[in-house]
Amino acid sequence: MKKLKCLIVDDEPLALQILEKYINSLDSLELCAKCANAVEATIFLHKSTVDLIFLDIRMPKLSGLDFLKSIS
């Protein structure tokens, strides 16, 4: 079974930790990166592709929803 490549984008360290633990507990998911904000995620996505993004909605500077609108 092919694993889904995942990206976590969240500005809260505890949320990053919880999501990472959850993803690592599932055989069907592979964590590719963790980003603390949308700018970091944008840079990562210019270099790599993912199948699934765990995205925080409320983040400083650029909200999760605005970030989502900016990617293809």
PDB file of N, CA and C in Angstrom:
ATOM      1  N   MET A   1       0.831  -1.178   0.000  1.00  0.00           N
ATOM      2  CA  MET A   1       0.000   0.000   0.000  1.00  0.00           C
ATOM      3  C   MET A   1       0.882   1.250   0.000  1.00  0.00           C
ATOM      4  N   LYS A   2       0.587   2.170  -0.890  1.00  0.00           N
ATOM      5  CA  LYS A   2       1.338   3.415  -0.976  1.00  0.00           C
ATOM      6  C   LYS A   2       0.955   4.334   0.182  1.00  0.00           C
ATOM      7  N   LYS A   3       1.952   4.915   0.818  1.00  0.00           N
ATOM      8  CA  LYS A   3       1.690   5.850   1.911  1.00  0.00           C
ATOM      9  C   LYS A   3       1.386   7.236   1.354  1.00  0.00           C
ATOM     10  N   LEU A   4       0.458   7.928   2.007  1.00  0.00           N
ATOM     11  CA  LEU A   4       0.164   9.313   1.652  1.00  0.00           C
ATOM     12  C   LEU A   4       1.206  10.220   2.293  1.00  0.00           C
ATOM     13  N   LYS A   5       1.807  11.082   1.494  1.00  0.00           N
ATOM     14  CA  LYS A   5       2.799  12.026   1.997  1.00  0.00           C
ATOM     15  C   LYS A   5       2.074  13.203   2.639  1.00  0.00           C
ATOM     16  N   CYS A   6       2.455  13.520   3.886  1.00  0.00           N
ATOM     17  CA  CYS A   6       1.752  14.538   4.670  1.00  0.00           C
ATOM     18  C   CYS A   6       2.658  15.704   5.040  1.00  0.00           C
ATOM     19  N   LEU A   7       2.024  16.851   5.205  1.00  0.00           N
ATOM     20  CA  LEU A   7       2.671  18.066   5.676  1.00  0.00           C
ATOM     21  C   LEU A   7       1.821  18.620   6.814  1.00  0.00           C
ATOM     22  N   ILE A   8       2.474  19.029   7.901  1.00  0.00           N
ATOM     23  CA  ILE A   8       1.776  19.690   9.003  1.00  0.00           C
ATOM     24  C   ILE A   8       2.150  21.160   8.972  1.00  0.00           C
ATOM     25  N   VAL A   9       1.149  22.039   9.038  1.00  0.00           N
ATOM     26  CA  VAL A   9       1.385  23.480   9.111  1.00  0.00           C
ATOM     27  C   VAL A   9       0.605  23.998  10.316  1.00  0.00           C
ATOM     28  N   ASP A  10       1.345  24.349  11.363  1.00  0.00           N
ATOM     29  CA  ASP A  10       0.710  24.813  12.597  1.00  0.00           C
ATOM     30  C   ASP A  10       1.713  25.627  13.395  1.00  0.00           C
ATOM     31  N   ASP A  11       1.273  26.720  13.988  1.00  0.00           N
ATOM     32  CA  ASP A  11       2.174  27.583  14.753  1.00  0.00           C
ATOM     33  C   ASP A  11       2.273  27.186  16.227  1.00  0.00           C
ATOM     34  N   GLU A  12       1.527  26.187  16.644  1.00  0.00           N
ATOM     35  CA  GLU A  12       1.563  25.747  18.040  1.00  0.00           C
ATOM     36  C   GLU A  12       2.389  24.468  18.171  1.00  0.00           C
ATOM     37  N   PRO A  13       3.495  24.520  18.936  1.00  0.00           N
ATOM     38  CA  PRO A  13       4.362  23.346  19.071  1.00  0.00           C
ATOM     39  C   PRO A  13       3.633  22.097  19.578  1.00  0.00           C
ATOM     40  N   LEU A  14       2.712  22.260  20.504  1.00  0.00           N
ATOM     41  CA  LEU A  14       1.986  21.098  21.024  1.00  0.00           C
ATOM     42  C   LEU A  14       1.137  20.453  19.927  1.00  0.00           C
ATOM     43  N   ALA A  15       0.484  21.256  19.112  1.00  0.00           N
ATOM     44  CA  ALA A  15      -0.317  20.716  18.006  1.00  0.00           C
ATOM     45  C   ALA A  15       0.572  19.982  17.003  1.00  0.00           C
ATOM     46  N   LEU A  16       1.735  20.542  16.713  1.00  0.00           N
ATOM     47  CA  LEU A  16       2.682  19.866  15.818  1.00  0.00           C
ATOM     48  C   LEU A  16       3.070  18.499  16.374  1.00  0.00           C
ATOM     49  N   GLN A  17       3.347  18.465  17.663  1.00  0.00           N
ATOM     50  CA  GLN A  17       3.757  17.228  18.316  1.00  0.00           C
ATOM     51  C   GLN A  17       2.642  16.178  18.293  1.00  0.00           C
ATOM     52  N   ILE A  18       1.418  16.596  18.591  1.00  0.00           N
ATOM     53  CA  ILE A  18       0.278  15.667  18.603  1.00  0.00           C
ATOM     54  C   ILE A  18       0.005  15.121  17.201  1.00  0.00           C
ATOM     55  N   LEU A  19       0.014  15.995  16.209  1.00  0.00           N
ATOM     56  CA  LEU A  19      -0.228  15.548  14.836  1.00  0.00           C
ATOM     57  C   LEU A  19       0.887  14.626  14.336  1.00  0.00           C
ATOM     58  N   GLU A  20       2.128  14.947  14.686  1.00  0.00           N
ATOM     59  CA  GLU A  20       3.239  14.092  14.284  1.00  0.00           C
ATOM     60  C   GLU A  20       3.086  12.695  14.889  1.00  0.00           C
ATOM     61  N   LYS A  21       2.737  12.633  16.151  1.00  0.00           N
ATOM     62  CA  LYS A  21       2.543  11.339  16.809  1.00  0.00           C
ATOM     63  C   LYS A  21       1.407  10.559  16.141  1.00  0.00           C
ATOM     64  N   TYR A  22       0.315  11.248  15.804  1.00  0.00           N
ATOM     65  CA  TYR A  22      -0.819  10.597  15.146  1.00  0.00           C
ATOM     66  C   TYR A  22      -0.413  10.049  13.774  1.00  0.00           C
ATOM     67  N   ILE A  23       0.249  10.872  12.987  1.00  0.00           N
ATOM     68  CA  ILE A  23       0.663  10.445  11.646  1.00  0.00           C
ATOM     69  C   ILE A  23       1.608   9.253  11.733  1.00  0.00           C
ATOM     70  N   ASN A  24       2.546   9.308  12.648  1.00  0.00           N
ATOM     71  CA  ASN A  24       3.510   8.215  12.790  1.00  0.00           C
ATOM     72  C   ASN A  24       2.867   6.921  13.283  1.00  0.00           C
ATOM     73  N   SER A  25       1.689   7.016  13.874  1.00  0.00           N
ATOM     74  CA  SER A  25       1.005   5.813  14.354  1.00  0.00           C
ATOM     75  C   SER A  25       0.239   5.085  13.248  1.00  0.00           C
ATOM     76  N   LEU A  26       0.102   5.704  12.105  1.00  0.00           N
ATOM     77  CA  LEU A  26      -0.650   5.115  10.997  1.00  0.00           C
ATOM     78  C   LEU A  26       0.282   4.620   9.899  1.00  0.00           C
ATOM     79  N   ASP A  27       0.059   3.404   9.447  1.00  0.00           N
ATOM     80  CA  ASP A  27       0.886   2.840   8.383  1.00  0.00           C
ATOM     81  C   ASP A  27       0.628   3.488   7.031  1.00  0.00           C
ATOM     82  N   SER A  28      -0.499   4.138   6.880  1.00  0.00           N
ATOM     83  CA  SER A  28      -0.875   4.694   5.580  1.00  0.00           C
ATOM     84  C   SER A  28      -0.369   6.124   5.354  1.00  0.00           C
ATOM     85  N   LEU A  29       0.247   6.738   6.388  1.00  0.00           N
ATOM     86  CA  LEU A  29       0.720   8.115   6.274  1.00  0.00           C
ATOM     87  C   LEU A  29       2.223   8.204   6.490  1.00  0.00           C
ATOM     88  N   GLU A  30       2.839   9.140   5.767  1.00  0.00           N
ATOM     89  CA  GLU A  30       4.268   9.415   5.910  1.00  0.00           C
ATOM     90  C   GLU A  30       4.442  10.916   6.106  1.00  0.00           C
ATOM     91  N   LEU A  31       5.033  11.327   7.202  1.00  0.00           N
ATOM     92  CA  LEU A  31       5.255  12.739   7.475  1.00  0.00           C
ATOM     93  C   LEU A  31       6.485  13.212   6.708  1.00  0.00           C
ATOM     94  N   CYS A  32       6.281  14.191   5.826  1.00  0.00           N
ATOM     95  CA  CYS A  32       7.382  14.728   5.021  1.00  0.00           C
ATOM     96  C   CYS A  32       8.008  15.962   5.671  1.00  0.00           C
ATOM     97  N   ALA A  33       7.179  16.782   6.333  1.00  0.00           N
ATOM     98  CA  ALA A  33       7.705  18.002   6.957  1.00  0.00           C
ATOM     99  C   ALA A  33       6.702  18.571   7.939  1.00  0.00           C
ATOM    100  N   LYS A  34       7.249  19.381   8.860  1.00  0.00           N
ATOM    101  CA  LYS A  34       6.432  20.161   9.792  1.00  0.00           C
ATOM    102  C   LYS A  34       6.841  21.620   9.603  1.00  0.00           C
ATOM    103  N   CYS A  35       5.857  22.490   9.447  1.00  0.00           N
ATOM    104  CA  CYS A  35       6.129  23.912   9.258  1.00  0.00           C
ATOM    105  C   CYS A  35       5.380  24.713  10.309  1.00  0.00           C
ATOM    106  N   ALA A  36       6.038  25.729  10.838  1.00  0.00           N
ATOM    107  CA  ALA A  36       5.447  26.544  11.894  1.00  0.00           C
ATOM    108  C   ALA A  36       4.579  27.672  11.358  1.00  0.00           C
ATOM    109  N   ASN A  37       4.621  27.902  10.043  1.00  0.00           N
ATOM    110  CA  ASN A  37       3.785  28.957   9.459  1.00  0.00           C
ATOM    111  C   ASN A  37       3.619  28.714   7.961  1.00  0.00           C
ATOM    112  N   ALA A  38       2.761  29.516   7.358  1.00  0.00           N
ATOM    113  CA  ALA A  38       2.435  29.342   5.943  1.00  0.00           C
ATOM    114  C   ALA A  38       3.609  29.679   5.031  1.00  0.00           C
ATOM    115  N   VAL A  39       4.455  30.599   5.444  1.00  0.00           N
ATOM    116  CA  VAL A  39       5.620  30.961   4.627  1.00  0.00           C
ATOM    117  C   VAL A  39       6.566  29.761   4.514  1.00  0.00           C
ATOM    118  N   GLU A  40       6.852  29.108   5.630  1.00  0.00           N
ATOM    119  CA  GLU A  40       7.683  27.905   5.606  1.00  0.00           C
ATOM    120  C   GLU A  40       7.055  26.828   4.724  1.00  0.00           C
ATOM    121  N   ALA A  41       5.754  26.670   4.830  1.00  0.00           N
ATOM    122  CA  ALA A  41       5.053  25.652   4.041  1.00  0.00           C
ATOM    123  C   ALA A  41       5.138  25.962   2.548  1.00  0.00           C
ATOM    124  N   THR A  42       5.019  27.224   2.192  1.00  0.00           N
ATOM    125  CA  THR A  42       5.122  27.627   0.782  1.00  0.00           C
ATOM    126  C   THR A  42       6.496  27.278   0.236  1.00  0.00           C
ATOM    127  N   ILE A  43       7.527  27.577   0.997  1.00  0.00           N
ATOM    128  CA  ILE A  43       8.894  27.247   0.570  1.00  0.00           C
ATOM    129  C   ILE A  43       9.050  25.745   0.401  1.00  0.00           C
ATOM    130  N   PHE A  44       8.541  24.985   1.363  1.00  0.00           N
ATOM    131  CA  PHE A  44       8.621  23.522   1.267  1.00  0.00           C
ATOM    132  C   PHE A  44       7.894  23.009   0.031  1.00  0.00           C
ATOM    133  N   LEU A  45       6.709  23.532  -0.232  1.00  0.00           N
ATOM    134  CA  LEU A  45       5.897  23.037  -1.357  1.00  0.00           C
ATOM    135  C   LEU A  45       6.464  23.433  -2.714  1.00  0.00           C
ATOM    136  N   HIS A  46       7.343  24.422  -2.759  1.00  0.00           N
ATOM    137  CA  HIS A  46       8.025  24.739  -4.019  1.00  0.00           C
ATOM    138  C   HIS A  46       9.066  23.678  -4.367  1.00  0.00           C
ATOM    139  N   LYS A  47       9.514  22.934  -3.361  1.00  0.00           N
ATOM    140  CA  LYS A  47      10.539  21.917  -3.567  1.00  0.00           C
ATOM    141  C   LYS A  47       9.974  20.503  -3.589  1.00  0.00           C
ATOM    142  N   SER A  48       8.827  20.296  -2.944  1.00  0.00           N
ATOM    143  CA  SER A  48       8.271  18.952  -2.775  1.00  0.00           C
ATOM    144  C   SER A  48       6.764  18.964  -2.970  1.00  0.00           C
ATOM    145  N   THR A  49       6.218  17.783  -3.162  1.00  0.00           N
ATOM    146  CA  THR A  49       4.766  17.649  -3.249  1.00  0.00           C
ATOM    147  C   THR A  49       4.282  16.736  -2.130  1.00  0.00           C
ATOM    148  N   VAL A  50       3.050  16.956  -1.721  1.00  0.00           N
ATOM    149  CA  VAL A  50       2.427  16.117  -0.699  1.00  0.00           C
ATOM    150  C   VAL A  50       1.025  15.753  -1.154  1.00  0.00           C
ATOM    151  N   ASP A  51       0.482  14.729  -0.514  1.00  0.00           N
ATOM    152  CA  ASP A  51      -0.876  14.291  -0.811  1.00  0.00           C
ATOM    153  C   ASP A  51      -1.891  14.885   0.164  1.00  0.00           C
ATOM    154  N   LEU A  52      -1.420  15.231   1.372  1.00  0.00           N
ATOM    155  CA  LEU A  52      -2.323  15.636   2.447  1.00  0.00           C
ATOM    156  C   LEU A  52      -1.655  16.708   3.296  1.00  0.00           C
ATOM    157  N   ILE A  53      -2.415  17.768   3.636  1.00  0.00           N
ATOM    158  CA  ILE A  53      -1.900  18.827   4.499  1.00  0.00           C
ATOM    159  C   ILE A  53      -2.798  18.947   5.726  1.00  0.00           C
ATOM    160  N   PHE A  54      -2.184  18.829   6.906  1.00  0.00           N
ATOM    161  CA  PHE A  54      -2.864  19.138   8.159  1.00  0.00           C
ATOM    162  C   PHE A  54      -2.588  20.609   8.415  1.00  0.00           C
ATOM    163  N   LEU A  55      -3.614  21.440   8.292  1.00  0.00           N
ATOM    164  CA  LEU A  55      -3.427  22.888   8.240  1.00  0.00           C
ATOM    165  C   LEU A  55      -4.198  23.599   9.346  1.00  0.00           C
ATOM    166  N   ASP A  56      -3.474  24.378  10.137  1.00  0.00           N
ATOM    167  CA  ASP A  56      -4.087  25.223  11.161  1.00  0.00           C
ATOM    168  C   ASP A  56      -4.761  26.398  10.458  1.00  0.00           C
ATOM    169  N   ILE A  57      -5.935  26.773  10.907  1.00  0.00           N
ATOM    170  CA  ILE A  57      -6.668  27.875  10.285  1.00  0.00           C
ATOM    171  C   ILE A  57      -6.166  29.227  10.794  1.00  0.00           C
ATOM    172  N   ARG A  58      -5.959  29.335  12.104  1.00  0.00           N
ATOM    173  CA  ARG A  58      -5.544  30.608  12.699  1.00  0.00           C
ATOM    174  C   ARG A  58      -4.042  30.616  12.943  1.00  0.00           C
ATOM    175  N   MET A  59      -3.359  31.360  12.080  1.00  0.00           N
ATOM    176  CA  MET A  59      -1.913  31.519  12.215  1.00  0.00           C
ATOM    177  C   MET A  59      -1.575  32.991  11.987  1.00  0.00           C
ATOM    178  N   PRO A  60      -0.462  33.447  12.557  1.00  0.00           N
ATOM    179  CA  PRO A  60      -0.073  34.838  12.353  1.00  0.00           C
ATOM    180  C   PRO A  60       0.355  35.092  10.903  1.00  0.00           C
ATOM    181  N   LYS A  61       0.244  36.321  10.475  1.00  0.00           N
ATOM    182  CA  LYS A  61       0.644  36.802   9.143  1.00  0.00           C
ATOM    183  C   LYS A  61      -0.264  36.300   8.034  1.00  0.00           C
ATOM    184  N   LEU A  62      -0.326  35.006   7.818  1.00  0.00           N
ATOM    185  CA  LEU A  62      -1.138  34.431   6.742  1.00  0.00           C
ATOM    186  C   LEU A  62      -1.968  33.295   7.326  1.00  0.00           C
ATOM    187  N   SER A  63      -3.280  33.437   7.278  1.00  0.00           N
ATOM    188  CA  SER A  63      -4.148  32.403   7.856  1.00  0.00           C
ATOM    189  C   SER A  63      -4.085  31.127   7.019  1.00  0.00           C
ATOM    190  N   GLY A  64      -4.505  30.048   7.623  1.00  0.00           N
ATOM    191  CA  GLY A  64      -4.540  28.781   6.913  1.00  0.00           C
ATOM    192  C   GLY A  64      -5.436  28.819   5.687  1.00  0.00           C
ATOM    193  N   LEU A  65      -6.557  29.509   5.793  1.00  0.00           N
ATOM    194  CA  LEU A  65      -7.473  29.605   4.649  1.00  0.00           C
ATOM    195  C   LEU A  65      -6.861  30.420   3.515  1.00  0.00           C
ATOM    196  N   ASP A  66      -6.180  31.523   3.841  1.00  0.00           N
ATOM    197  CA  ASP A  66      -5.520  32.316   2.806  1.00  0.00           C
ATOM    198  C   ASP A  66      -4.383  31.528   2.164  1.00  0.00           C
ATOM    199  N   PHE A  67      -3.672  30.769   2.988  1.00  0.00           N
ATOM    200  CA  PHE A  67      -2.603  29.915   2.452  1.00  0.00           C
ATOM    201  C   PHE A  67      -3.185  28.881   1.490  1.00  0.00           C
ATOM    202  N   LEU A  68      -4.272  28.254   1.888  1.00  0.00           N
ATOM    203  CA  LEU A  68      -4.918  27.246   1.047  1.00  0.00           C
ATOM    204  C   LEU A  68      -5.325  27.827  -0.306  1.00  0.00           C
ATOM    205  N   LYS A  69      -5.839  29.036  -0.305  1.00  0.00           N
ATOM    206  CA  LYS A  69      -6.228  29.693  -1.559  1.00  0.00           C
ATOM    207  C   LYS A  69      -5.040  29.989  -2.450  1.00  0.00           C
ATOM    208  N   SER A  70      -3.853  30.119  -1.851  1.00  0.00           N
ATOM    209  CA  SER A  70      -2.661  30.512  -2.613  1.00  0.00           C
ATOM    210  C   SER A  70      -1.934  29.335  -3.280  1.00  0.00           C
ATOM    211  N   ILE A  71      -2.282  28.106  -2.907  1.00  0.00           N
ATOM    212  CA  ILE A  71      -1.580  26.953  -3.495  1.00  0.00           C
ATOM    213  C   ILE A  71      -2.471  26.253  -4.511  1.00  0.00           C
ATOM    214  N   SER A  72      -1.806  25.542  -5.412  1.00  0.00           N
ATOM    215  CA  SER A  72      -2.587  24.811  -6.429  1.00  0.00           C
ATOM    216  C   SER A  72      -2.600  23.328  -6.133  1.00  0.00           C
TER     217      SER A  72
END
